[in-house]
Amino acid sequence: MMLERILNNLVSNAIRYTNTGTVFIGCRKRGVKIRIEVRDSGIGIAKDKLGEIFEEFYQAGNPERDRTKGLGLGLAIVERLCNLLDYKVDVHSAPGKGSVFAIEVPCIEKDELHKTTTLSTKNYLSDIQGMYVLVIDDEDMIRKGMAAILEDWECSFLLADSADTAISKLKQNDFRPDIIISDYRLRENKTGAQAIVQIHDYLQKEIPAIIITGDTAPNRLQEAQKSGYQLLHKPVKPAKLRSLMSFLREQNTS
């Protein structure tokens, strides 16, 4: 998922700075690694600016800080995720001649891949219809979006902006969730992991849980991963969320 986020940002960046010409994405095997390159014929970057492009809010060709051109976080996120995954980012560029961004990722042989099949290589398609889902997120628009998705999937759901609100609503309703979906960062410096533990304590049992995060800071991601709950990164594709919910339901009933 983090590799997908890295490539999405590199490709988006290449398209943004290529008014005419091409953007090319390719990969080749190099020993035990795969080198993935994103090449563009865009405006390019001066040699003395290559050290600045990974800084937050830096944008080439946008000195007026026009926010319609984005926030300048794309490459900062790329660098953070690459550091977390221990990937090296290579950049070659020149003004008017385009840019090449490349990363090298570990490669596993085909027979080894079958031995290590994970959620990312398998689609769990068992029906999630009728699941009781508790959603905790302090942003109203996110809760409304989740409600629309869950309603379409014919799930029952309860929405809350915090663990305390969730428990209050659980007390008022005959609702026992099959799964908890929580944003990682909540108000008052609370985390989704803490909210999930609080719900478990109230229910006096542990149920499957998913944490959704938009954080890219390595220490934040490590905190979320250490919680032991399933982790999804924003923006979350509905198909990926549904697959994970289906997987957790299957695991919990097996």
Protein backbone atom coordinates (compact mmCIF):
# COMPACT_ATOMS: atom_id res chain seq x y z
CA MET A 1 0.00 0.00 0.00
CA MET A 2 2.84 2.38 0.79
CA LEU A 3 4.55 1.53 -2.52
CA GLU A 4 1.27 2.31 -4.28
CA ARG A 5 1.16 5.70 -2.52
CA ILE A 6 4.76 6.43 -3.55
CA LEU A 7 4.08 5.65 -7.22
CA ASN A 8 0.78 7.56 -7.23
CA ASN A 9 2.61 10.66 -5.97
CA LEU A 10 5.48 10.32 -8.46
CA VAL A 11 3.12 9.85 -11.40
CA SER A 12 0.83 12.71 -10.29
CA ASN A 13 3.87 14.96 -9.94
CA ALA A 14 5.15 14.01 -13.39
CA ILE A 15 1.78 14.78 -14.98
CA ARG A 16 1.48 18.10 -13.12
CA TYR A 17 4.81 19.39 -14.44
CA THR A 18 4.51 18.04 -17.98
CA ASN A 19 2.39 20.46 -20.00
CA THR A 20 3.33 18.81 -23.30
CA GLY A 21 5.16 15.60 -24.11
CA THR A 22 5.04 12.27 -22.29
CA VAL A 23 5.11 10.56 -18.93
CA PHE A 24 6.60 7.07 -19.00
CA ILE A 25 6.44 4.47 -16.23
CA GLY A 26 8.59 1.37 -16.50
CA CYS A 27 10.51 -1.20 -14.51
CA ARG A 28 13.40 -3.59 -15.00
CA LYS A 29 14.98 -6.30 -12.91
CA ARG A 30 18.36 -5.58 -11.38
CA GLY A 31 19.69 -8.59 -9.52
CA VAL A 32 17.39 -9.25 -6.57
CA LYS A 33 15.61 -5.92 -6.99
CA ILE A 34 13.17 -4.24 -9.35
CA ARG A 35 14.00 -0.69 -10.46
CA ILE A 36 10.84 1.35 -11.09
CA GLU A 37 11.22 4.60 -13.03
CA VAL A 38 8.85 7.49 -13.66
CA ARG A 39 10.15 9.60 -16.55
CA ASP A 40 8.66 12.82 -17.87
CA SER A 41 9.50 15.41 -20.50
CA GLY A 42 8.34 18.28 -18.29
CA ILE A 43 9.87 21.48 -17.02
CA GLY A 44 12.71 19.76 -15.19
CA ILE A 45 14.55 20.80 -12.04
CA ALA A 46 17.75 22.80 -11.68
CA LYS A 47 20.67 20.91 -10.13
CA ASP A 48 20.91 23.32 -7.19
CA LYS A 49 17.20 22.72 -6.39
CA LEU A 50 17.32 18.91 -6.26
CA GLY A 51 17.99 19.00 -2.52
CA GLU A 52 14.88 21.12 -1.90
CA ILE A 53 12.21 19.23 -3.84
CA PHE A 54 11.59 16.72 -1.03
CA GLU A 55 10.89 19.48 1.50
CA GLU A 56 7.29 19.98 2.59
CA PHE A 57 5.40 22.69 0.67
CA TYR A 58 8.16 23.17 -1.92
CA GLN A 59 6.79 23.50 -5.46
CA ALA A 60 8.84 24.07 -8.58
CA GLY A 61 7.45 26.84 -10.75
CA ASN A 62 5.00 28.06 -8.10
CA PRO A 63 6.68 30.92 -6.21
CA GLU A 64 3.34 32.66 -5.68
CA ARG A 65 2.13 29.64 -3.61
CA ASP A 66 -1.01 29.16 -5.72
CA ARG A 67 -2.91 26.45 -3.79
CA THR A 68 -4.85 25.45 -6.92
CA LYS A 69 -1.57 23.83 -7.98
CA GLY A 70 -1.49 21.63 -4.89
CA LEU A 71 0.22 21.86 -1.52
CA GLY A 72 3.69 20.64 -2.43
CA LEU A 73 3.54 17.58 -0.17
CA GLY A 74 3.81 14.86 -2.82
CA LEU A 75 7.58 14.39 -2.84
CA ALA A 76 7.87 14.96 0.93
CA ILE A 77 5.48 12.02 1.38
CA VAL A 78 7.50 9.97 -1.13
CA GLU A 79 10.70 10.54 0.84
CA ARG A 80 9.11 9.68 4.19
CA LEU A 81 7.60 6.45 2.91
CA CYS A 82 10.81 5.46 1.14
CA ASN A 83 12.77 6.02 4.36
CA LEU A 84 10.27 3.88 6.23
CA LEU A 85 10.55 1.07 3.66
CA ASP A 86 14.32 1.51 3.28
CA TYR A 87 14.04 2.39 -0.41
CA LYS A 88 16.46 4.81 -2.06
CA VAL A 89 15.05 7.49 -4.39
CA ASP A 90 17.23 8.49 -7.36
CA VAL A 91 16.52 11.74 -9.20
CA HIS A 92 17.99 12.90 -12.50
CA SER A 93 16.75 16.15 -13.99
CA ALA A 94 17.65 19.26 -15.93
CA PRO A 95 15.62 22.40 -16.72
CA GLY A 96 13.63 21.97 -19.92
CA LYS A 97 14.68 18.33 -20.30
CA GLY A 98 12.34 16.57 -17.91
CA SER A 99 12.96 14.40 -14.87
CA VAL A 100 13.52 10.78 -13.92
CA PHE A 101 12.52 9.52 -10.45
CA ALA A 102 13.52 5.95 -9.65
CA ILE A 103 13.24 3.57 -6.70
CA GLU A 104 14.49 0.02 -6.26
CA VAL A 105 12.29 -2.49 -4.44
CA PRO A 106 12.96 -6.09 -3.31
CA CYS A 107 12.01 -8.85 -5.73
CA ILE A 108 10.76 -12.33 -4.81
CA GLU A 109 10.71 -15.33 -7.12
CA LYS A 110 7.41 -16.76 -8.31
CA ASP A 111 7.57 -19.95 -6.21
CA GLU A 112 8.40 -17.89 -3.12
CA LEU A 113 5.43 -15.61 -3.78
CA HIS A 114 3.02 -18.53 -3.51
CA LYS A 115 4.44 -19.41 -0.09
CA THR A 116 3.88 -15.89 1.24
CA THR A 117 0.43 -15.06 -0.10
CA THR A 118 -1.02 -12.18 1.91
CA LEU A 119 -4.10 -10.04 1.81
CA SER A 120 -2.52 -7.90 -0.90
CA THR A 121 -2.30 -10.87 -3.28
CA LYS A 122 -5.66 -12.44 -2.56
CA ASN A 123 -9.19 -11.13 -2.97
CA TYR A 124 -11.57 -12.00 -0.17
CA LEU A 125 -15.00 -11.90 -1.72
CA SER A 126 -17.27 -13.45 0.92
CA ASP A 127 -20.37 -11.35 1.46
CA ILE A 128 -20.26 -8.64 4.13
CA GLN A 129 -23.99 -8.02 3.94
CA GLY A 130 -25.52 -7.66 7.39
CA MET A 131 -22.27 -6.81 9.19
CA TYR A 132 -22.61 -4.45 12.14
CA VAL A 133 -19.95 -1.75 11.73
CA LEU A 134 -18.89 0.90 14.24
CA VAL A 135 -17.21 3.89 12.55
CA ILE A 136 -15.17 6.37 14.61
CA ASP A 137 -13.97 9.52 12.85
CA ASP A 138 -13.97 13.14 14.02
CA GLU A 139 -14.68 14.53 10.53
CA ASP A 140 -18.36 14.77 9.69
CA MET A 141 -17.86 14.46 5.91
CA ILE A 142 -15.83 11.27 6.36
CA ARG A 143 -18.56 9.75 8.52
CA LYS A 144 -21.21 10.65 5.94
CA GLY A 145 -19.09 9.13 3.18
CA MET A 146 -18.62 5.92 5.16
CA ALA A 147 -22.36 5.79 5.85
CA ALA A 148 -23.14 5.99 2.12
CA ILE A 149 -20.69 3.18 1.34
CA LEU A 150 -21.85 0.89 4.15
CA GLU A 151 -25.49 1.48 3.28
CA ASP A 152 -24.75 0.48 -0.31
CA TRP A 153 -23.09 -2.70 0.99
CA GLU A 154 -26.20 -3.42 3.11
CA CYS A 155 -24.31 -3.21 6.39
CA SER A 156 -25.76 -1.87 9.64
CA PHE A 157 -23.64 0.92 11.08
CA LEU A 158 -23.19 3.29 13.98
CA LEU A 159 -21.26 6.55 13.52
CA ALA A 160 -19.33 8.38 16.24
CA ASP A 161 -16.74 11.15 16.49
CA SER A 162 -14.94 9.60 19.49
CA ALA A 163 -14.82 6.50 21.66
CA ASP A 164 -16.87 8.25 24.35
CA THR A 165 -19.60 9.13 21.84
CA ALA A 166 -19.51 5.58 20.49
CA ILE A 167 -19.98 4.07 23.95
CA SER A 168 -22.82 6.49 24.69
CA LYS A 169 -24.57 5.45 21.47
CA LEU A 170 -23.94 1.75 22.16
CA LYS A 171 -25.65 2.16 25.53
CA GLN A 172 -28.68 3.71 23.84
CA ASN A 173 -28.96 1.16 21.04
CA ASP A 174 -29.12 -2.61 20.88
CA PHE A 175 -26.08 -2.56 18.60
CA ARG A 176 -23.16 -4.95 18.96
CA PRO A 177 -20.52 -4.29 16.29
CA ASP A 178 -18.85 -7.07 14.32
CA ILE A 179 -16.02 -4.72 13.39
CA ILE A 180 -14.64 -1.27 14.29
CA ILE A 181 -13.30 1.14 11.68
CA SER A 182 -11.48 4.11 13.19
CA ASP A 183 -9.42 7.01 11.95
CA TYR A 184 -5.98 6.99 13.58
CA ARG A 185 -5.85 10.66 14.58
CA LEU A 186 -8.79 11.75 16.71
CA ARG A 187 -9.47 14.90 18.72
CA GLU A 188 -7.72 15.72 22.01
CA ASN A 189 -4.59 13.87 20.85
CA LYS A 190 -6.41 10.55 21.08
CA THR A 191 -5.64 7.74 18.62
CA GLY A 192 -7.82 5.18 16.91
CA ALA A 193 -5.90 2.43 18.69
CA GLN A 194 -6.86 3.92 22.06
CA ALA A 195 -10.48 4.24 20.94
CA ILE A 196 -10.59 0.59 19.90
CA VAL A 197 -9.21 -0.54 23.26
CA GLN A 198 -11.83 1.61 25.01
CA ILE A 199 -14.62 -0.02 22.98
CA HIS A 200 -13.22 -3.48 23.68
CA ASP A 201 -13.19 -2.71 27.40
CA TYR A 202 -16.82 -1.59 27.26
CA LEU A 203 -17.92 -4.66 25.27
CA GLN A 204 -15.71 -6.90 27.43
CA LYS A 205 -14.45 -8.68 24.35
CA GLU A 206 -12.13 -8.04 21.42
CA ILE A 207 -13.57 -7.71 17.94
CA PRO A 208 -11.80 -7.14 14.61
CA ALA A 209 -10.72 -3.56 13.95
CA ILE A 210 -9.32 -1.47 11.12
CA ILE A 211 -7.33 1.73 11.55
CA ILE A 212 -7.32 4.24 8.70
CA THR A 213 -4.52 6.79 8.57
CA GLY A 214 -3.33 9.62 6.39
CA ASP A 215 -0.11 9.97 8.38
CA THR A 216 3.17 9.48 6.58
CA ALA A 217 5.59 10.33 9.40
CA PRO A 218 7.57 7.13 10.12
CA ASN A 219 7.05 7.32 13.90
CA ARG A 220 3.28 7.71 13.45
CA LEU A 221 3.08 4.79 11.04
CA GLN A 222 5.15 2.63 13.36
CA GLU A 223 2.83 3.51 16.27
CA ALA A 224 -0.20 2.51 14.21
CA GLN A 225 1.42 -0.73 13.05
CA LYS A 226 2.43 -1.68 16.59
CA SER A 227 -1.21 -1.50 17.68
CA GLY A 228 -1.72 -4.89 16.04
CA TYR A 229 -4.84 -3.80 14.17
CA GLN A 230 -5.25 -3.89 10.40
CA LEU A 231 -4.00 -0.68 8.77
CA LEU A 232 -5.26 1.10 5.65
CA HIS A 233 -3.79 4.28 4.19
CA LYS A 234 -5.78 7.23 2.90
CA PRO A 235 -7.18 7.62 0.35
CA VAL A 236 -8.86 4.25 0.93
CA LYS A 237 -10.39 2.56 -2.09
CA PRO A 238 -13.80 1.07 -1.24
CA ALA A 239 -12.87 -2.25 -2.89
CA LYS A 240 -9.82 -2.56 -0.64
CA LEU A 241 -11.85 -1.74 2.47
CA ARG A 242 -14.53 -4.26 1.53
CA SER A 243 -11.92 -6.93 0.85
CA LEU A 244 -10.35 -6.37 4.27
CA MET A 245 -13.73 -6.41 6.03
CA SER A 246 -14.58 -9.66 4.28
CA PHE A 247 -11.20 -11.14 5.26
CA LEU A 248 -11.65 -10.18 8.92
CA ARG A 249 -15.18 -11.58 8.99
CA GLU A 250 -13.90 -14.85 7.52
CA GLN A 251 -11.06 -15.00 10.04
CA ASN A 252 -13.35 -14.23 12.95
CA THR A 253 -15.83 -16.98 12.06
CA SER A 254 -13.33 -19.67 11.09
